[in-house]
Amino acid sequence: MTEIQLIPLGSSDRERFIRDNQEAFNYGAMEEFGCRDEHFEDDGQIISRETI
């Protein structure tokens, strides 16, 4: 069995975490729905920084 450890992110990891999540949401939405419309929350992102 694999053991998983959850470790809190440090403040230096915050920006990367936000970018990675925005990229994952963009990719998932495009894969699932295609480019159906141009509705983005924030600066071309499907999920805003504030939401994350």
Protein backbone atom coordinates (compact mmCIF):
# COMPACT_ATOMS: atom_id res chain seq x y z
CA MET A 1 0.00 0.00 0.00
CA THR A 2 1.25 3.47 -0.88
CA GLU A 3 1.58 6.00 1.91
CA ILE A 4 0.59 9.57 1.07
CA GLN A 5 1.78 12.52 3.12
CA LEU A 6 0.03 15.86 2.96
CA ILE A 7 2.42 18.72 3.56
CA PRO A 8 1.26 22.35 3.77
CA LEU A 9 2.53 24.55 0.97
CA GLY A 10 5.02 27.21 1.83
CA SER A 11 4.43 30.81 0.80
CA SER A 12 7.03 30.40 -1.95
CA ASP A 13 4.88 27.64 -3.49
CA ARG A 14 1.72 29.75 -3.76
CA GLU A 15 2.22 31.22 -7.25
CA ARG A 16 3.14 27.87 -8.77
CA PHE A 17 0.13 26.23 -7.11
CA ILE A 18 -2.22 28.86 -8.57
CA ARG A 19 -0.72 28.60 -12.09
CA ASP A 20 -0.82 24.79 -12.01
CA ASN A 21 -4.49 24.82 -10.97
CA GLN A 22 -5.45 27.35 -13.63
CA GLU A 23 -3.66 25.29 -16.27
CA ALA A 24 -5.38 22.10 -15.12
CA PHE A 25 -8.83 23.75 -15.19
CA ASN A 26 -8.19 25.20 -18.65
CA TYR A 27 -7.02 21.85 -19.98
CA GLY A 28 -9.89 19.89 -18.41
CA ALA A 29 -12.53 22.29 -19.68
CA MET A 30 -11.14 22.31 -23.21
CA GLU A 31 -10.87 18.51 -23.26
CA GLU A 32 -14.37 18.03 -21.91
CA PHE A 33 -16.27 20.80 -23.65
CA GLY A 34 -14.01 22.12 -26.40
CA CYS A 35 -13.88 25.82 -27.11
CA ARG A 36 -17.62 26.47 -26.74
CA ASP A 37 -17.39 30.11 -25.78
CA GLU A 38 -14.93 32.70 -24.64
CA HIS A 39 -16.24 33.05 -21.06
CA PHE A 40 -13.31 33.32 -18.71
CA GLU A 41 -13.26 34.63 -15.16
CA ASP A 42 -9.90 36.32 -14.93
CA ASP A 43 -7.20 37.23 -17.44
CA GLY A 44 -8.06 34.44 -19.86
CA GLN A 45 -8.46 31.86 -17.08
CA ILE A 46 -11.45 29.62 -16.50
CA ILE A 47 -10.92 29.80 -12.73
CA SER A 48 -9.75 33.01 -11.10
CA ARG A 49 -6.90 33.42 -8.64
CA GLU A 50 -9.42 34.49 -6.01
CA THR A 51 -11.41 31.27 -6.46
CA ILE A 52 -8.32 29.14 -5.97
